[in-house]
Amino acid sequence: MKDEISRVLTLVEEGKIDKEKASELINILQGKDQPELVTIKKEVPYGNKMLKIRVNSEEGDNVNVNLPINLVKAVLKVGTNIAEKIPEAEKYVKDINVDLLIEAIENELDGQLVDITSANGDKVFVVIE
């Protein structure tokens, strides 16, 4: 029965049947009389994911930044080269391994990257999702 259900889910992924038809088929395979809706979660293509940065301070100063992952990759490639040539910015980018960051994006790194809580309770989170 698991093989048949897997085949039904494959048909949905391929766009050959819709979710309602899949739910009906799975219920029949499981011998259920009452149809139930089966939720099928589609994976978001990596290029459509976001780099999310959250900073929550104890004083209530909060920052929420959402950047498309493709924009982050482009900015890392171009922006670092530019920043290295600006004397005031050079000190901020000299210790950043941009190639490692770009490689992580190209290898579709996903999930929580940074989780910091300072001694005074400030929190910083960086996530790709």
N, C-alpha and C. Protein backbone atom coordinates (compact mmCIF):
# COMPACT_ATOMS: atom_id res chain seq x y z
N MET A 1 0.82 -1.20 0.00
CA MET A 1 0.00 0.00 0.00
C MET A 1 0.86 1.26 0.00
N LYS A 2 2.01 1.21 0.69
CA LYS A 2 2.88 2.39 0.72
C LYS A 2 3.36 2.77 -0.67
N ASP A 3 3.62 1.77 -1.51
CA ASP A 3 4.07 2.04 -2.88
C ASP A 3 2.98 2.76 -3.68
N GLU A 4 1.73 2.34 -3.49
CA GLU A 4 0.62 2.97 -4.21
C GLU A 4 0.44 4.42 -3.76
N ILE A 5 0.53 4.65 -2.47
CA ILE A 5 0.39 6.02 -1.94
C ILE A 5 1.54 6.89 -2.45
N SER A 6 2.74 6.33 -2.45
CA SER A 6 3.90 7.06 -2.97
C SER A 6 3.69 7.42 -4.44
N ARG A 7 3.11 6.51 -5.20
CA ARG A 7 2.83 6.77 -6.62
C ARG A 7 1.81 7.90 -6.77
N VAL A 8 0.79 7.92 -5.91
CA VAL A 8 -0.21 8.98 -5.96
C VAL A 8 0.46 10.33 -5.69
N LEU A 9 1.33 10.37 -4.69
CA LEU A 9 2.03 11.62 -4.36
C LEU A 9 2.93 12.06 -5.50
N THR A 10 3.55 11.11 -6.19
CA THR A 10 4.38 11.43 -7.35
C THR A 10 3.53 12.04 -8.46
N LEU A 11 2.33 11.50 -8.66
CA LEU A 11 1.43 12.06 -9.68
C LEU A 11 1.06 13.51 -9.36
N VAL A 12 0.90 13.81 -8.08
CA VAL A 12 0.60 15.19 -7.67
C VAL A 12 1.79 16.09 -7.97
N GLU A 13 2.99 15.65 -7.59
CA GLU A 13 4.19 16.43 -7.84
C GLU A 13 4.40 16.69 -9.33
N GLU A 14 4.05 15.72 -10.15
CA GLU A 14 4.21 15.86 -11.59
C GLU A 14 3.08 16.68 -12.22
N GLY A 15 2.07 17.03 -11.41
CA GLY A 15 0.96 17.84 -11.90
C GLY A 15 -0.06 17.05 -12.70
N LYS A 16 -0.03 15.73 -12.60
CA LYS A 16 -0.95 14.89 -13.36
C LYS A 16 -2.32 14.77 -12.69
N ILE A 17 -2.34 14.93 -11.36
CA ILE A 17 -3.62 14.96 -10.63
C ILE A 17 -3.54 16.07 -9.59
N ASP A 18 -4.71 16.56 -9.13
CA ASP A 18 -4.71 17.62 -8.12
C ASP A 18 -4.78 17.00 -6.71
N LYS A 19 -4.69 17.87 -5.69
CA LYS A 19 -4.67 17.41 -4.30
C LYS A 19 -5.95 16.70 -3.90
N GLU A 20 -7.08 17.20 -4.39
CA GLU A 20 -8.36 16.59 -4.04
C GLU A 20 -8.46 15.16 -4.58
N LYS A 21 -8.05 14.96 -5.84
CA LYS A 21 -8.06 13.63 -6.44
C LYS A 21 -7.09 12.71 -5.70
N ALA A 22 -5.93 13.24 -5.32
CA ALA A 22 -4.94 12.46 -4.57
C ALA A 22 -5.52 12.02 -3.23
N SER A 23 -6.19 12.94 -2.54
CA SER A 23 -6.81 12.61 -1.26
C SER A 23 -7.83 11.49 -1.43
N GLU A 24 -8.63 11.59 -2.47
CA GLU A 24 -9.65 10.57 -2.74
C GLU A 24 -9.00 9.21 -3.00
N LEU A 25 -7.96 9.18 -3.82
CA LEU A 25 -7.27 7.93 -4.12
C LEU A 25 -6.61 7.32 -2.88
N ILE A 26 -5.98 8.15 -2.08
CA ILE A 26 -5.32 7.65 -0.87
C ILE A 26 -6.35 7.08 0.09
N ASN A 27 -7.50 7.75 0.23
CA ASN A 27 -8.56 7.23 1.09
C ASN A 27 -9.06 5.87 0.60
N ILE A 28 -9.18 5.74 -0.69
CA ILE A 28 -9.61 4.45 -1.25
C ILE A 28 -8.56 3.38 -0.95
N LEU A 29 -7.28 3.74 -1.14
CA LEU A 29 -6.21 2.78 -0.87
C LEU A 29 -6.17 2.37 0.60
N GLN A 30 -6.50 3.30 1.48
CA GLN A 30 -6.49 3.02 2.92
C GLN A 30 -7.80 2.40 3.39
N GLY A 31 -8.76 2.30 2.47
CA GLY A 31 -10.04 1.67 2.82
C GLY A 31 -10.94 2.57 3.63
N LYS A 32 -10.76 3.86 3.56
CA LYS A 32 -11.61 4.78 4.31
C LYS A 32 -12.82 5.16 3.47
N ASP A 33 -13.97 5.26 4.11
CA ASP A 33 -15.20 5.63 3.40
C ASP A 33 -15.30 7.13 3.21
N GLN A 34 -14.92 7.88 4.23
CA GLN A 34 -15.03 9.34 4.19
C GLN A 34 -13.75 9.96 3.64
N PRO A 35 -13.86 10.73 2.57
CA PRO A 35 -12.65 11.37 2.03
C PRO A 35 -12.14 12.45 2.98
N GLU A 36 -10.82 12.53 3.10
CA GLU A 36 -10.17 13.56 3.89
C GLU A 36 -9.15 14.26 3.01
N LEU A 37 -8.96 15.53 3.26
CA LEU A 37 -8.00 16.30 2.48
C LEU A 37 -6.59 15.96 2.96
N VAL A 38 -5.73 15.59 2.04
CA VAL A 38 -4.34 15.32 2.34
C VAL A 38 -3.54 16.56 1.95
N THR A 39 -2.79 17.12 2.89
CA THR A 39 -1.99 18.30 2.61
C THR A 39 -0.62 17.87 2.10
N ILE A 40 -0.26 18.38 0.94
CA ILE A 40 1.03 18.07 0.35
C ILE A 40 1.83 19.36 0.32
N LYS A 41 2.94 19.34 1.04
CA LYS A 41 3.77 20.54 1.13
C LYS A 41 4.80 20.52 0.00
N LYS A 42 4.77 21.56 -0.82
CA LYS A 42 5.75 21.67 -1.89
C LYS A 42 6.97 22.42 -1.36
N GLU A 43 8.13 21.91 -1.70
CA GLU A 43 9.38 22.55 -1.31
C GLU A 43 9.57 23.83 -2.12
N VAL A 44 9.93 24.90 -1.44
CA VAL A 44 10.19 26.18 -2.11
C VAL A 44 11.54 26.08 -2.81
N PRO A 45 11.60 26.43 -4.11
CA PRO A 45 12.90 26.41 -4.79
C PRO A 45 13.89 27.32 -4.06
N TYR A 46 15.14 26.88 -3.99
CA TYR A 46 16.13 27.60 -3.19
C TYR A 46 16.27 29.06 -3.61
N GLY A 47 16.19 29.34 -4.89
CA GLY A 47 16.31 30.71 -5.37
C GLY A 47 15.20 31.62 -4.88
N ASN A 48 14.09 31.04 -4.42
CA ASN A 48 12.97 31.83 -3.91
C ASN A 48 13.02 31.99 -2.39
N LYS A 49 14.02 31.42 -1.75
CA LYS A 49 14.12 31.52 -0.29
C LYS A 49 14.66 32.90 0.11
N MET A 50 14.53 33.17 1.40
CA MET A 50 14.93 34.48 1.93
C MET A 50 15.98 34.30 3.02
N LEU A 51 16.89 35.25 3.09
CA LEU A 51 17.80 35.37 4.22
C LEU A 51 17.09 36.30 5.19
N LYS A 52 16.78 35.78 6.37
CA LYS A 52 16.04 36.57 7.36
C LYS A 52 16.95 36.89 8.53
N ILE A 53 17.03 38.17 8.84
CA ILE A 53 17.86 38.64 9.95
C ILE A 53 16.93 39.28 10.97
N ARG A 54 17.01 38.81 12.21
CA ARG A 54 16.17 39.32 13.29
C ARG A 54 17.06 39.74 14.46
N VAL A 55 16.88 40.98 14.88
CA VAL A 55 17.59 41.49 16.05
C VAL A 55 16.53 42.00 17.02
N ASN A 56 16.52 41.45 18.22
CA ASN A 56 15.56 41.85 19.26
C ASN A 56 16.34 42.30 20.48
N SER A 57 16.25 43.59 20.81
CA SER A 57 16.99 44.10 21.96
C SER A 57 16.09 44.14 23.18
N GLU A 58 16.70 44.13 24.33
CA GLU A 58 15.96 44.22 25.60
C GLU A 58 15.24 45.55 25.72
N GLU A 59 15.76 46.58 25.07
CA GLU A 59 15.12 47.91 25.13
C GLU A 59 13.93 48.02 24.18
N GLY A 60 13.68 46.97 23.42
CA GLY A 60 12.54 47.00 22.50
C GLY A 60 12.88 47.46 21.09
N ASP A 61 14.16 47.69 20.83
CA ASP A 61 14.57 48.05 19.47
C ASP A 61 14.71 46.76 18.67
N ASN A 62 13.83 46.56 17.70
CA ASN A 62 13.83 45.33 16.93
C ASN A 62 14.08 45.62 15.46
N VAL A 63 14.80 44.72 14.82
CA VAL A 63 15.11 44.84 13.40
C VAL A 63 14.71 43.54 12.72
N ASN A 64 13.95 43.66 11.63
CA ASN A 64 13.57 42.51 10.82
C ASN A 64 13.95 42.81 9.38
N VAL A 65 14.86 42.01 8.82
CA VAL A 65 15.30 42.20 7.45
C VAL A 65 15.08 40.89 6.70
N ASN A 66 14.43 40.98 5.53
CA ASN A 66 14.23 39.83 4.65
C ASN A 66 14.87 40.15 3.31
N LEU A 67 15.83 39.33 2.90
CA LEU A 67 16.52 39.55 1.63
C LEU A 67 16.41 38.30 0.77
N PRO A 68 16.01 38.44 -0.48
CA PRO A 68 16.00 37.27 -1.37
C PRO A 68 17.40 36.68 -1.48
N ILE A 69 17.50 35.36 -1.41
CA ILE A 69 18.81 34.71 -1.39
C ILE A 69 19.61 35.00 -2.66
N ASN A 70 18.94 35.15 -3.80
CA ASN A 70 19.66 35.49 -5.04
C ASN A 70 20.27 36.89 -4.97
N LEU A 71 19.59 37.82 -4.30
CA LEU A 71 20.13 39.16 -4.11
C LEU A 71 21.36 39.11 -3.20
N VAL A 72 21.30 38.32 -2.15
CA VAL A 72 22.42 38.19 -1.22
C VAL A 72 23.66 37.69 -1.97
N LYS A 73 23.45 36.69 -2.81
CA LYS A 73 24.57 36.12 -3.57
C LYS A 73 25.18 37.17 -4.50
N ALA A 74 24.34 37.91 -5.20
CA ALA A 74 24.83 38.94 -6.13
C ALA A 74 25.58 40.04 -5.38
N VAL A 75 25.03 40.48 -4.27
CA VAL A 75 25.66 41.54 -3.48
C VAL A 75 27.00 41.07 -2.91
N LEU A 76 27.06 39.82 -2.46
CA LEU A 76 28.32 39.30 -1.94
C LEU A 76 29.41 39.31 -3.01
N LYS A 77 29.03 38.94 -4.23
CA LYS A 77 30.01 38.89 -5.31
C LYS A 77 30.49 40.27 -5.72
N VAL A 78 29.56 41.18 -5.88
CA VAL A 78 29.89 42.51 -6.38
C VAL A 78 30.30 43.46 -5.25
N GLY A 79 29.52 43.48 -4.19
CA GLY A 79 29.70 44.45 -3.12
C GLY A 79 31.02 44.34 -2.39
N THR A 80 31.51 43.13 -2.21
CA THR A 80 32.76 42.96 -1.48
C THR A 80 33.93 43.53 -2.26
N ASN A 81 33.93 43.30 -3.55
CA ASN A 81 35.01 43.87 -4.38
C ASN A 81 35.01 45.39 -4.32
N ILE A 82 33.85 45.98 -4.30
CA ILE A 82 33.74 47.44 -4.21
C ILE A 82 34.18 47.91 -2.83
N ALA A 83 33.71 47.23 -1.78
CA ALA A 83 34.01 47.64 -0.40
C ALA A 83 35.50 47.57 -0.11
N GLU A 84 36.21 46.60 -0.70
CA GLU A 84 37.65 46.47 -0.48
C GLU A 84 38.42 47.68 -1.00
N LYS A 85 37.85 48.39 -1.94
CA LYS A 85 38.51 49.54 -2.55
C LYS A 85 38.18 50.86 -1.87
N ILE A 86 37.28 50.81 -0.89
CA ILE A 86 36.91 52.01 -0.15
C ILE A 86 37.61 51.95 1.21
N PRO A 87 38.52 52.87 1.48
CA PRO A 87 39.32 52.81 2.72
C PRO A 87 38.48 52.67 3.99
N GLU A 88 37.37 53.39 4.07
CA GLU A 88 36.55 53.34 5.29
C GLU A 88 35.86 51.99 5.46
N ALA A 89 35.58 51.30 4.37
CA ALA A 89 34.85 50.02 4.42
C ALA A 89 35.79 48.82 4.46
N GLU A 90 37.02 49.01 4.05
CA GLU A 90 37.96 47.89 3.94
C GLU A 90 38.09 47.11 5.24
N LYS A 91 38.16 47.81 6.37
CA LYS A 91 38.35 47.13 7.65
C LYS A 91 37.16 46.24 8.02
N TYR A 92 35.98 46.53 7.46
CA TYR A 92 34.79 45.74 7.78
C TYR A 92 34.69 44.46 6.95
N VAL A 93 35.31 44.44 5.79
CA VAL A 93 35.19 43.28 4.91
C VAL A 93 36.46 42.43 4.83
N LYS A 94 37.55 42.91 5.39
CA LYS A 94 38.82 42.19 5.22
C LYS A 94 38.82 40.81 5.86
N ASP A 95 38.07 40.61 6.94
CA ASP A 95 38.07 39.31 7.62
C ASP A 95 36.87 38.42 7.25
N ILE A 96 36.06 38.87 6.29
CA ILE A 96 34.89 38.09 5.87
C ILE A 96 35.30 37.16 4.73
N ASN A 97 35.05 35.88 4.90
CA ASN A 97 35.34 34.91 3.85
C ASN A 97 34.13 34.83 2.93
N VAL A 98 34.06 35.72 1.95
CA VAL A 98 32.93 35.82 1.04
C VAL A 98 32.80 34.56 0.20
N ASP A 99 33.93 33.98 -0.20
CA ASP A 99 33.87 32.75 -1.00
C ASP A 99 33.17 31.62 -0.24
N LEU A 100 33.40 31.55 1.06
CA LEU A 100 32.74 30.54 1.88
C LEU A 100 31.24 30.79 1.95
N LEU A 101 30.84 32.05 2.07
CA LEU A 101 29.42 32.39 2.10
C LEU A 101 28.75 32.07 0.77
N ILE A 102 29.41 32.42 -0.33
CA ILE A 102 28.85 32.13 -1.66
C ILE A 102 28.76 30.62 -1.88
N GLU A 103 29.77 29.89 -1.44
CA GLU A 103 29.75 28.43 -1.57
C GLU A 103 28.59 27.83 -0.77
N ALA A 104 28.33 28.38 0.41
CA ALA A 104 27.20 27.90 1.22
C ALA A 104 25.88 28.12 0.49
N ILE A 105 25.73 29.27 -0.16
CA ILE A 105 24.51 29.56 -0.91
C ILE A 105 24.41 28.64 -2.12
N GLU A 106 25.52 28.45 -2.83
CA GLU A 106 25.50 27.58 -4.01
C GLU A 106 25.20 26.13 -3.64
N ASN A 107 25.57 25.73 -2.43
CA ASN A 107 25.25 24.38 -1.95
C ASN A 107 23.91 24.32 -1.25
N GLU A 108 23.14 25.40 -1.38
CA GLU A 108 21.77 25.50 -0.87
C GLU A 108 21.66 25.25 0.64
N LEU A 109 22.57 25.91 1.37
CA LEU A 109 22.50 25.88 2.82
C LEU A 109 21.15 26.41 3.26
N ASP A 110 20.55 25.76 4.23
CA ASP A 110 19.19 26.10 4.63
C ASP A 110 19.09 26.02 6.14
N GLY A 111 18.19 26.80 6.72
CA GLY A 111 17.94 26.72 8.15
C GLY A 111 18.59 27.86 8.92
N GLN A 112 18.71 27.66 10.22
CA GLN A 112 19.25 28.70 11.09
C GLN A 112 20.77 28.73 10.99
N LEU A 113 21.30 29.93 10.75
CA LEU A 113 22.74 30.12 10.62
C LEU A 113 23.35 30.73 11.87
N VAL A 114 22.62 31.64 12.50
CA VAL A 114 23.14 32.36 13.66
C VAL A 114 22.05 32.43 14.72
N ASP A 115 22.44 32.18 15.95
CA ASP A 115 21.54 32.31 17.10
C ASP A 115 22.39 32.82 18.27
N ILE A 116 22.30 34.12 18.52
CA ILE A 116 23.14 34.74 19.55
C ILE A 116 22.25 35.43 20.57
N THR A 117 22.56 35.21 21.83
CA THR A 117 21.92 35.95 22.91
C THR A 117 23.03 36.58 23.74
N SER A 118 23.01 37.91 23.84
CA SER A 118 24.06 38.61 24.58
C SER A 118 23.78 38.55 26.08
N ALA A 119 24.75 38.97 26.86
CA ALA A 119 24.63 38.96 28.31
C ALA A 119 23.47 39.84 28.79
N ASN A 120 23.16 40.90 28.04
CA ASN A 120 22.07 41.79 28.47
C ASN A 120 20.73 41.38 27.87
N GLY A 121 20.69 40.23 27.16
CA GLY A 121 19.41 39.73 26.65
C GLY A 121 19.09 40.07 25.21
N ASP A 122 19.97 40.80 24.53
CA ASP A 122 19.74 41.08 23.11
C ASP A 122 19.89 39.78 22.33
N LYS A 123 19.06 39.61 21.29
CA LYS A 123 19.10 38.38 20.51
C LYS A 123 19.26 38.68 19.03
N VAL A 124 20.08 37.85 18.35
CA VAL A 124 20.27 37.98 16.92
C VAL A 124 20.07 36.58 16.30
N PHE A 125 19.22 36.55 15.27
CA PHE A 125 18.97 35.31 14.54
C PHE A 125 19.16 35.57 13.06
N VAL A 126 19.81 34.65 12.37
CA VAL A 126 19.93 34.70 10.92
C VAL A 126 19.51 33.33 10.39
N VAL A 127 18.53 33.34 9.48
CA VAL A 127 17.94 32.10 8.99
C VAL A 127 17.75 32.21 7.48
N ILE A 128 17.94 31.08 6.79
CA ILE A 128 17.54 31.00 5.38
C ILE A 128 16.35 30.07 5.32
N GLU A 129 15.22 30.62 4.81
CA GLU A 129 14.02 29.79 4.66
C GLU A 129 13.13 30.34 3.58
